Amino acid sequence: MKLKIIISQLFFALAVIIASGCSRSSDDFLQAGRTDVINHKYDQAVSNFNHAIELDSTNAQAHLERALIANKTSNPVPLEADLSKYIELTAKSLAIAYIGRALDRMLHRADPNASLADLNNAITIDPSNIQGYHFKRELLSQKGDTVQLKKYLNSLDDSTRLRLFQKDKLF
């Protein structure tokens, strides 16, 4: 009877240990991998980055950091795939950041050329984001450069023009 209690307590303790190990998040493994890199434990770092990606395939930092140590490990690391995934995952937020900075420059800094450059970068990075097109048109209108505005509007494909028109109808 006593042996059954001890065995059941051991199983319970083992279950708690396993459960606590399973509750590690992708960011926990990312941080562990970073620590391994600092300590020059590159193979262990790759293992931790792999776990981070398994738990959350959208963890852009785990893809990037695994790629950055690719030449320091004996494990095969998908360098190009990791860098491509990082770019894919961060491109949309980068485009939004460019749009935000452009708006700040338009509203608070009176720097239309820098704003225009940011909007062009946003459009290049994420052509599906209509905000970049919209604010570029607004900026060109505010500048009063009708020649450049007309040239810009004519350069847009029909689908983008339609999406821009639909956005105008919403607001």
N, C-alpha and C. Protein backbone atom coordinates (compact mmCIF):
# COMPACT_ATOMS: atom_id res chain seq x y z
N MET A 1 0.82 -1.19 0.00
CA MET A 1 0.00 0.00 0.00
C MET A 1 0.87 1.26 0.00
N LYS A 2 1.88 1.25 0.89
CA LYS A 2 2.78 2.38 0.97
C LYS A 2 3.55 2.56 -0.34
N LEU A 3 3.92 1.46 -0.97
CA LEU A 3 4.63 1.51 -2.25
C LEU A 3 3.77 2.15 -3.32
N LYS A 4 2.46 1.86 -3.33
CA LYS A 4 1.55 2.47 -4.30
C LYS A 4 1.48 3.98 -4.12
N ILE A 5 1.49 4.42 -2.88
CA ILE A 5 1.44 5.86 -2.60
C ILE A 5 2.72 6.53 -3.09
N ILE A 6 3.85 5.90 -2.81
CA ILE A 6 5.14 6.45 -3.25
C ILE A 6 5.20 6.51 -4.77
N ILE A 7 4.77 5.45 -5.43
CA ILE A 7 4.77 5.42 -6.90
C ILE A 7 3.83 6.47 -7.47
N SER A 8 2.66 6.61 -6.87
CA SER A 8 1.72 7.62 -7.38
C SER A 8 2.28 9.02 -7.16
N GLN A 9 2.98 9.25 -6.03
CA GLN A 9 3.60 10.55 -5.80
C GLN A 9 4.72 10.82 -6.80
N LEU A 10 5.48 9.79 -7.13
CA LEU A 10 6.54 9.94 -8.14
C LEU A 10 5.95 10.27 -9.51
N PHE A 11 4.88 9.58 -9.87
CA PHE A 11 4.22 9.88 -11.15
C PHE A 11 3.68 11.31 -11.15
N PHE A 12 3.11 11.73 -10.04
CA PHE A 12 2.60 13.09 -9.94
C PHE A 12 3.74 14.09 -10.09
N ALA A 13 4.85 13.85 -9.40
CA ALA A 13 6.01 14.74 -9.48
C ALA A 13 6.55 14.77 -10.91
N LEU A 14 6.62 13.61 -11.55
CA LEU A 14 7.08 13.54 -12.93
C LEU A 14 6.14 14.31 -13.85
N ALA A 15 4.85 14.19 -13.64
CA ALA A 15 3.87 14.91 -14.46
C ALA A 15 4.03 16.41 -14.30
N VAL A 16 4.28 16.86 -13.07
CA VAL A 16 4.50 18.29 -12.82
C VAL A 16 5.75 18.77 -13.54
N ILE A 17 6.82 17.99 -13.47
CA ILE A 17 8.07 18.36 -14.14
C ILE A 17 7.87 18.42 -15.65
N ILE A 18 7.20 17.44 -16.20
CA ILE A 18 6.94 17.42 -17.65
C ILE A 18 6.06 18.59 -18.05
N ALA A 19 5.03 18.84 -17.27
CA ALA A 19 4.11 19.94 -17.58
C ALA A 19 4.82 21.27 -17.51
N SER A 20 5.71 21.45 -16.53
CA SER A 20 6.42 22.73 -16.44
C SER A 20 7.38 22.89 -17.61
N GLY A 21 7.95 21.77 -18.08
CA GLY A 21 8.83 21.84 -19.25
C GLY A 21 8.06 22.16 -20.51
N CYS A 22 6.83 21.73 -20.60
CA CYS A 22 6.01 21.98 -21.78
C CYS A 22 5.49 23.40 -21.83
N SER A 23 5.51 24.06 -20.68
CA SER A 23 4.93 25.39 -20.66
C SER A 23 5.92 26.47 -21.10
N ARG A 24 7.11 26.08 -21.49
CA ARG A 24 8.07 27.07 -21.98
C ARG A 24 7.55 27.64 -23.29
N SER A 25 7.67 28.92 -23.41
CA SER A 25 7.17 29.59 -24.61
C SER A 25 8.27 29.70 -25.67
N SER A 26 7.86 30.09 -26.82
CA SER A 26 8.80 30.32 -27.91
C SER A 26 9.84 31.36 -27.50
N ASP A 27 9.40 32.40 -26.82
CA ASP A 27 10.33 33.44 -26.37
C ASP A 27 11.30 32.92 -25.32
N ASP A 28 10.86 31.96 -24.51
CA ASP A 28 11.78 31.35 -23.54
C ASP A 28 12.92 30.63 -24.26
N PHE A 29 12.57 29.87 -25.29
CA PHE A 29 13.60 29.17 -26.06
C PHE A 29 14.48 30.16 -26.83
N LEU A 30 13.89 31.24 -27.33
CA LEU A 30 14.67 32.28 -28.01
C LEU A 30 15.71 32.85 -27.05
N GLN A 31 15.29 33.17 -25.85
CA GLN A 31 16.21 33.73 -24.86
C GLN A 31 17.29 32.73 -24.48
N ALA A 32 16.90 31.47 -24.33
CA ALA A 32 17.89 30.43 -24.02
C ALA A 32 18.91 30.31 -25.15
N GLY A 33 18.44 30.40 -26.39
CA GLY A 33 19.35 30.35 -27.53
C GLY A 33 20.31 31.53 -27.54
N ARG A 34 19.81 32.70 -27.20
CA ARG A 34 20.68 33.89 -27.13
C ARG A 34 21.77 33.70 -26.07
N THR A 35 21.37 33.13 -24.94
CA THR A 35 22.34 32.86 -23.88
C THR A 35 23.38 31.86 -24.37
N ASP A 36 22.94 30.84 -25.08
CA ASP A 36 23.87 29.85 -25.63
C ASP A 36 24.86 30.50 -26.60
N VAL A 37 24.39 31.43 -27.41
CA VAL A 37 25.28 32.13 -28.35
C VAL A 37 26.34 32.90 -27.58
N ILE A 38 25.93 33.61 -26.55
CA ILE A 38 26.87 34.38 -25.73
C ILE A 38 27.94 33.45 -25.15
N ASN A 39 27.53 32.25 -24.78
CA ASN A 39 28.45 31.26 -24.19
C ASN A 39 29.13 30.39 -25.25
N HIS A 40 28.98 30.73 -26.52
CA HIS A 40 29.60 30.02 -27.65
C HIS A 40 29.13 28.57 -27.74
N LYS A 41 27.92 28.29 -27.31
CA LYS A 41 27.32 26.95 -27.42
C LYS A 41 26.37 26.98 -28.61
N TYR A 42 26.95 27.01 -29.80
CA TYR A 42 26.16 27.26 -31.00
C TYR A 42 25.21 26.13 -31.35
N ASP A 43 25.65 24.89 -31.18
CA ASP A 43 24.74 23.77 -31.49
C ASP A 43 23.54 23.77 -30.55
N GLN A 44 23.78 24.06 -29.27
CA GLN A 44 22.67 24.15 -28.32
C GLN A 44 21.78 25.34 -28.66
N ALA A 45 22.38 26.43 -29.13
CA ALA A 45 21.60 27.61 -29.52
C ALA A 45 20.67 27.25 -30.68
N VAL A 46 21.20 26.53 -31.65
CA VAL A 46 20.37 26.12 -32.79
C VAL A 46 19.21 25.27 -32.30
N SER A 47 19.47 24.37 -31.38
CA SER A 47 18.41 23.53 -30.83
C SER A 47 17.33 24.39 -30.17
N ASN A 48 17.75 25.38 -29.38
CA ASN A 48 16.77 26.26 -28.74
C ASN A 48 16.01 27.10 -29.76
N PHE A 49 16.70 27.61 -30.77
CA PHE A 49 16.01 28.38 -31.81
C PHE A 49 15.03 27.48 -32.56
N ASN A 50 15.43 26.22 -32.80
CA ASN A 50 14.51 25.27 -33.45
C ASN A 50 13.24 25.08 -32.61
N HIS A 51 13.41 24.92 -31.30
CA HIS A 51 12.24 24.77 -30.43
C HIS A 51 11.37 26.03 -30.47
N ALA A 52 12.01 27.19 -30.46
CA ALA A 52 11.25 28.44 -30.51
C ALA A 52 10.41 28.49 -31.79
N ILE A 53 11.00 28.08 -32.90
CA ILE A 53 10.29 28.12 -34.19
C ILE A 53 9.20 27.05 -34.24
N GLU A 54 9.47 25.88 -33.65
CA GLU A 54 8.44 24.83 -33.60
C GLU A 54 7.22 25.30 -32.83
N LEU A 55 7.44 26.04 -31.75
CA LEU A 55 6.33 26.54 -30.94
C LEU A 55 5.61 27.72 -31.58
N ASP A 56 6.36 28.52 -32.33
CA ASP A 56 5.77 29.70 -32.97
C ASP A 56 6.54 30.00 -34.25
N SER A 57 6.01 29.51 -35.35
CA SER A 57 6.70 29.68 -36.64
C SER A 57 6.76 31.13 -37.09
N THR A 58 6.02 32.02 -36.42
CA THR A 58 6.07 33.45 -36.77
C THR A 58 7.04 34.23 -35.88
N ASN A 59 7.86 33.53 -35.12
CA ASN A 59 8.86 34.19 -34.28
C ASN A 59 10.02 34.62 -35.17
N ALA A 60 9.93 35.82 -35.69
CA ALA A 60 10.90 36.33 -36.65
C ALA A 60 12.31 36.35 -36.08
N GLN A 61 12.45 36.74 -34.82
CA GLN A 61 13.77 36.82 -34.20
C GLN A 61 14.45 35.46 -34.13
N ALA A 62 13.69 34.41 -33.88
CA ALA A 62 14.28 33.07 -33.81
C ALA A 62 14.84 32.68 -35.18
N HIS A 63 14.11 33.00 -36.24
CA HIS A 63 14.61 32.71 -37.60
C HIS A 63 15.88 33.49 -37.87
N LEU A 64 15.88 34.77 -37.53
CA LEU A 64 17.05 35.62 -37.78
C LEU A 64 18.26 35.14 -36.99
N GLU A 65 18.08 34.90 -35.72
CA GLU A 65 19.23 34.55 -34.88
C GLU A 65 19.79 33.18 -35.23
N ARG A 66 18.93 32.27 -35.67
CA ARG A 66 19.43 30.97 -36.13
C ARG A 66 20.26 31.15 -37.39
N ALA A 67 19.81 32.04 -38.27
CA ALA A 67 20.56 32.30 -39.50
C ALA A 67 21.91 32.95 -39.20
N LEU A 68 21.94 33.84 -38.21
CA LEU A 68 23.17 34.57 -37.91
C LEU A 68 24.30 33.68 -37.40
N ILE A 69 23.96 32.52 -36.86
CA ILE A 69 25.01 31.61 -36.36
C ILE A 69 25.21 30.41 -37.28
N ALA A 70 24.66 30.47 -38.46
CA ALA A 70 24.70 29.32 -39.37
C ALA A 70 26.13 28.83 -39.63
N ASN A 71 27.07 29.74 -39.75
CA ASN A 71 28.44 29.31 -40.07
C ASN A 71 29.25 28.90 -38.83
N LYS A 72 28.62 28.94 -37.65
CA LYS A 72 29.32 28.61 -36.41
C LYS A 72 28.85 27.30 -35.81
N THR A 73 28.06 26.56 -36.53
CA THR A 73 27.46 25.35 -35.96
C THR A 73 27.70 24.15 -36.86
N SER A 74 27.69 22.99 -36.25
CA SER A 74 27.83 21.76 -37.03
C SER A 74 26.47 21.28 -37.53
N ASN A 75 25.40 21.83 -36.97
CA ASN A 75 24.04 21.45 -37.40
C ASN A 75 23.70 22.17 -38.70
N PRO A 76 22.97 21.49 -39.58
CA PRO A 76 22.54 22.19 -40.79
C PRO A 76 21.49 23.25 -40.45
N VAL A 77 21.75 24.46 -40.89
CA VAL A 77 20.85 25.58 -40.62
C VAL A 77 20.36 26.12 -41.96
N PRO A 78 19.05 26.24 -42.14
CA PRO A 78 18.51 26.74 -43.42
C PRO A 78 18.68 28.26 -43.51
N LEU A 79 19.90 28.71 -43.76
CA LEU A 79 20.25 30.12 -43.74
C LEU A 79 19.34 30.96 -44.64
N GLU A 80 19.28 30.62 -45.90
CA GLU A 80 18.47 31.42 -46.83
C GLU A 80 16.99 31.38 -46.46
N ALA A 81 16.50 30.21 -46.10
CA ALA A 81 15.08 30.08 -45.72
C ALA A 81 14.78 30.90 -44.47
N ASP A 82 15.70 30.87 -43.50
CA ASP A 82 15.49 31.65 -42.28
C ASP A 82 15.48 33.14 -42.58
N LEU A 83 16.42 33.60 -43.39
CA LEU A 83 16.45 35.03 -43.72
C LEU A 83 15.23 35.43 -44.53
N SER A 84 14.79 34.58 -45.43
CA SER A 84 13.59 34.87 -46.21
C SER A 84 12.36 34.94 -45.31
N LYS A 85 12.28 34.02 -44.36
CA LYS A 85 11.14 34.01 -43.42
C LYS A 85 11.17 35.27 -42.55
N TYR A 86 12.35 35.67 -42.10
CA TYR A 86 12.47 36.88 -41.29
C TYR A 86 11.98 38.09 -42.09
N ILE A 87 12.42 38.19 -43.33
CA ILE A 87 11.99 39.31 -44.18
C ILE A 87 10.48 39.28 -44.37
N GLU A 88 9.95 38.11 -44.65
CA GLU A 88 8.50 37.97 -44.85
C GLU A 88 7.73 38.40 -43.60
N LEU A 89 8.19 37.98 -42.44
CA LEU A 89 7.47 38.27 -41.21
C LEU A 89 7.59 39.73 -40.77
N THR A 90 8.67 40.38 -41.13
CA THR A 90 8.87 41.75 -40.66
C THR A 90 8.54 42.81 -41.70
N ALA A 91 8.36 42.42 -42.94
CA ALA A 91 8.14 43.40 -44.01
C ALA A 91 6.90 44.26 -43.77
N LYS A 92 5.80 43.64 -43.42
CA LYS A 92 4.56 44.41 -43.23
C LYS A 92 4.70 45.40 -42.09
N SER A 93 5.33 44.98 -40.99
CA SER A 93 5.50 45.93 -39.89
C SER A 93 6.49 47.02 -40.25
N LEU A 94 7.46 46.69 -41.08
CA LEU A 94 8.41 47.70 -41.54
C LEU A 94 7.70 48.72 -42.43
N ALA A 95 6.82 48.27 -43.30
CA ALA A 95 6.07 49.19 -44.15
C ALA A 95 5.19 50.11 -43.31
N ILE A 96 4.56 49.56 -42.29
CA ILE A 96 3.72 50.37 -41.40
C ILE A 96 4.58 51.40 -40.67
N ALA A 97 5.78 51.01 -40.28
CA ALA A 97 6.69 51.95 -39.61
C ALA A 97 7.07 53.09 -40.54
N TYR A 98 7.33 52.78 -41.80
CA TYR A 98 7.64 53.83 -42.78
C TYR A 98 6.46 54.79 -42.94
N ILE A 99 5.25 54.24 -43.00
CA ILE A 99 4.07 55.09 -43.15
C ILE A 99 3.92 55.98 -41.92
N GLY A 100 4.10 55.41 -40.74
CA GLY A 100 4.00 56.19 -39.51
C GLY A 100 5.02 57.32 -39.47
N ARG A 101 6.24 57.01 -39.85
CA ARG A 101 7.28 58.05 -39.86
C ARG A 101 6.98 59.12 -40.90
N ALA A 102 6.45 58.69 -42.03
CA ALA A 102 6.09 59.66 -43.07
C ALA A 102 5.01 60.61 -42.56
N LEU A 103 4.02 60.06 -41.88
CA LEU A 103 2.95 60.91 -41.33
C LEU A 103 3.50 61.87 -40.29
N ASP A 104 4.40 61.39 -39.45
CA ASP A 104 5.00 62.28 -38.46
C ASP A 104 5.76 63.40 -39.15
N ARG A 105 6.49 63.06 -40.19
CA ARG A 105 7.24 64.08 -40.92
C ARG A 105 6.31 65.06 -41.64
N MET A 106 5.19 64.54 -42.12
CA MET A 106 4.22 65.41 -42.80
C MET A 106 3.57 66.38 -41.81
N LEU A 107 3.18 65.86 -40.66
CA LEU A 107 2.40 66.64 -39.71
C LEU A 107 3.22 67.52 -38.78
N HIS A 108 4.40 67.03 -38.40
CA HIS A 108 5.14 67.72 -37.35
C HIS A 108 6.48 68.30 -37.78
N ARG A 109 6.99 67.86 -38.88
CA ARG A 109 8.33 68.27 -39.24
C ARG A 109 8.39 69.05 -40.56
N ALA A 110 7.28 69.11 -41.24
CA ALA A 110 7.24 69.82 -42.53
C ALA A 110 8.40 69.40 -43.43
N ASP A 111 8.54 68.09 -43.58
CA ASP A 111 9.62 67.55 -44.40
C ASP A 111 9.02 66.66 -45.49
N PRO A 112 8.42 67.28 -46.52
CA PRO A 112 7.70 66.49 -47.53
C PRO A 112 8.60 65.55 -48.33
N ASN A 113 9.84 65.92 -48.57
CA ASN A 113 10.71 65.03 -49.35
C ASN A 113 11.05 63.75 -48.57
N ALA A 114 11.33 63.90 -47.29
CA ALA A 114 11.60 62.72 -46.46
C ALA A 114 10.33 61.87 -46.32
N SER A 115 9.18 62.52 -46.19
CA SER A 115 7.91 61.81 -46.11
C SER A 115 7.66 61.01 -47.38
N LEU A 116 7.91 61.64 -48.50
CA LEU A 116 7.72 60.98 -49.80
C LEU A 116 8.64 59.77 -49.92
N ALA A 117 9.88 59.91 -49.49
CA ALA A 117 10.81 58.78 -49.54
C ALA A 117 10.31 57.63 -48.67
N ASP A 118 9.80 57.95 -47.46
CA ASP A 118 9.27 56.90 -46.59
C ASP A 118 8.06 56.22 -47.21
N LEU A 119 7.17 56.99 -47.81
CA LEU A 119 5.99 56.40 -48.44
C LEU A 119 6.38 55.52 -49.62
N ASN A 120 7.35 55.95 -50.39
CA ASN A 120 7.84 55.11 -51.50
C ASN A 120 8.41 53.80 -50.97
N ASN A 121 9.16 53.87 -49.87
CA ASN A 121 9.69 52.64 -49.27
C ASN A 121 8.57 51.73 -48.79
N ALA A 122 7.55 52.31 -48.16
CA ALA A 122 6.42 51.51 -47.67
C ALA A 122 5.71 50.81 -48.83
N ILE A 123 5.51 51.52 -49.91
CA ILE A 123 4.83 50.94 -51.08
C ILE A 123 5.67 49.83 -51.70
N THR A 124 6.97 50.03 -51.76
CA THR A 124 7.86 49.01 -52.32
C THR A 124 7.86 47.75 -51.46
N ILE A 125 7.90 47.94 -50.14
CA ILE A 125 7.95 46.81 -49.21
C ILE A 125 6.63 46.04 -49.17
N ASP A 126 5.52 46.77 -49.14
CA ASP A 126 4.21 46.12 -49.02
C ASP A 126 3.21 46.78 -49.97
N PRO A 127 3.24 46.40 -51.24
CA PRO A 127 2.34 47.01 -52.21
C PRO A 127 0.86 46.73 -51.94
N SER A 128 0.56 45.77 -51.08
CA SER A 128 -0.84 45.47 -50.79
C SER A 128 -1.44 46.45 -49.77
N ASN A 129 -0.61 47.24 -49.10
CA ASN A 129 -1.09 48.18 -48.10
C ASN A 129 -1.48 49.49 -48.78
N ILE A 130 -2.78 49.73 -48.89
CA ILE A 130 -3.30 50.89 -49.61
C ILE A 130 -2.96 52.21 -48.91
N GLN A 131 -2.64 52.14 -47.61
CA GLN A 131 -2.33 53.36 -46.86
C GLN A 131 -1.16 54.13 -47.47
N GLY A 132 -0.13 53.43 -47.90
CA GLY A 132 1.03 54.08 -48.51
C GLY A 132 0.64 54.88 -49.74
N TYR A 133 -0.18 54.29 -50.59
CA TYR A 133 -0.65 54.98 -51.80
C TYR A 133 -1.50 56.20 -51.44
N HIS A 134 -2.39 55.99 -50.47
CA HIS A 134 -3.30 57.05 -50.06
C HIS A 134 -2.53 58.27 -49.54
N PHE A 135 -1.60 58.04 -48.62
CA PHE A 135 -0.88 59.16 -48.04
C PHE A 135 0.10 59.80 -49.04
N LYS A 136 0.59 59.01 -49.97
CA LYS A 136 1.44 59.60 -51.01
C LYS A 136 0.62 60.55 -51.87
N ARG A 137 -0.59 60.14 -52.22
CA ARG A 137 -1.47 61.02 -52.99
C ARG A 137 -1.79 62.29 -52.20
N GLU A 138 -2.08 62.13 -50.90
CA GLU A 138 -2.37 63.28 -50.06
C GLU A 138 -1.18 64.23 -49.98
N LEU A 139 0.01 63.69 -49.84
CA LEU A 139 1.21 64.50 -49.74
C LEU A 139 1.44 65.28 -51.03
N LEU A 140 1.31 64.61 -52.16
CA LEU A 140 1.50 65.29 -53.45
C LEU A 140 0.43 66.37 -53.65
N SER A 141 -0.78 66.10 -53.19
CA SER A 141 -1.84 67.11 -53.27
C SER A 141 -1.50 68.32 -52.41
N GLN A 142 -1.03 68.07 -51.19
CA GLN A 142 -0.68 69.16 -50.28
C GLN A 142 0.47 70.00 -50.82
N LYS A 143 1.41 69.33 -51.49
CA LYS A 143 2.54 70.06 -52.06
C LYS A 143 2.10 70.96 -53.21
N GLY A 144 0.96 70.65 -53.80
CA GLY A 144 0.45 71.44 -54.92
C GLY A 144 1.16 71.14 -56.24
N ASP A 145 1.87 70.05 -56.28
CA ASP A 145 2.59 69.67 -57.50
C ASP A 145 1.66 68.81 -58.37
N THR A 146 0.84 69.49 -59.16
CA THR A 146 -0.18 68.78 -59.95
C THR A 146 0.44 67.89 -61.02
N VAL A 147 1.59 68.29 -61.54
CA VAL A 147 2.25 67.48 -62.57
C VAL A 147 2.70 66.14 -61.95
N GLN A 148 3.36 66.21 -60.82
CA GLN A 148 3.82 64.99 -60.16
C GLN A 148 2.64 64.15 -59.68
N LEU A 149 1.59 64.80 -59.19
CA LEU A 149 0.40 64.08 -58.72
C LEU A 149 -0.25 63.33 -59.88
N LYS A 150 -0.40 64.00 -61.01
CA LYS A 150 -1.02 63.35 -62.18
C LYS A 150 -0.15 62.19 -62.66
N LYS A 151 1.15 62.41 -62.69
CA LYS A 151 2.07 61.36 -63.12
C LYS A 151 1.97 60.14 -62.18
N TYR A 152 1.88 60.42 -60.88
CA TYR A 152 1.76 59.35 -59.88
C TYR A 152 0.47 58.57 -60.09
N LEU A 153 -0.65 59.28 -60.19
CA LEU A 153 -1.95 58.60 -60.34
C LEU A 153 -2.00 57.79 -61.63
N ASN A 154 -1.40 58.29 -62.69
CA ASN A 154 -1.36 57.54 -63.95
C ASN A 154 -0.46 56.31 -63.87
N SER A 155 0.49 56.32 -62.95
CA SER A 155 1.40 55.17 -62.84
C SER A 155 0.76 53.99 -62.10
N LEU A 156 -0.35 54.23 -61.42
CA LEU A 156 -1.00 53.17 -60.66
C LEU A 156 -1.76 52.22 -61.57
N ASP A 157 -1.73 50.95 -61.26
CA ASP A 157 -2.51 49.99 -62.04
C ASP A 157 -3.99 50.13 -61.66
N ASP A 158 -4.84 49.54 -62.49
CA ASP A 158 -6.30 49.68 -62.29
C ASP A 158 -6.74 49.16 -60.92
N SER A 159 -6.18 48.06 -60.49
CA SER A 159 -6.57 47.47 -59.20
C SER A 159 -6.24 48.42 -58.04
N THR A 160 -5.07 49.02 -58.09
CA THR A 160 -4.68 49.95 -57.02
C THR A 160 -5.54 51.19 -57.06
N ARG A 161 -5.81 51.71 -58.26
CA ARG A 161 -6.69 52.88 -58.38
C ARG A 161 -8.07 52.59 -57.80
N LEU A 162 -8.60 51.40 -58.08
CA LEU A 162 -9.90 51.01 -57.57
C LEU A 162 -9.88 50.92 -56.04
N ARG A 163 -8.85 50.29 -55.49
CA ARG A 163 -8.73 50.19 -54.02
C ARG A 163 -8.60 51.57 -53.39
N LEU A 164 -7.89 52.47 -54.03
CA LEU A 164 -7.73 53.83 -53.53
C LEU A 164 -9.07 54.56 -53.54
N PHE A 165 -9.83 54.36 -54.61
CA PHE A 165 -11.15 54.97 -54.73
C PHE A 165 -12.09 54.41 -53.66
N GLN A 166 -12.04 53.09 -53.44
CA GLN A 166 -12.88 52.46 -52.42
C GLN A 166 -12.53 52.98 -51.02
N LYS A 167 -11.27 53.20 -50.78
CA LYS A 167 -10.84 53.75 -49.49
C LYS A 167 -11.42 55.14 -49.31
N ASP A 168 -11.41 55.94 -50.36
CA ASP A 168 -11.95 57.29 -50.29
C ASP A 168 -13.45 57.26 -49.96
N LYS A 169 -14.17 56.29 -50.51
CA LYS A 169 -15.60 56.20 -50.26
C LYS A 169 -15.91 55.84 -48.81
N LEU A 170 -14.98 55.12 -48.16
CA LEU A 170 -15.18 54.73 -46.77
C LEU A 170 -15.00 55.91 -45.82
N PHE A 171 -14.19 56.88 -46.22
CA PHE A 171 -13.88 57.97 -45.30
C PHE A 171 -14.41 59.28 -45.80
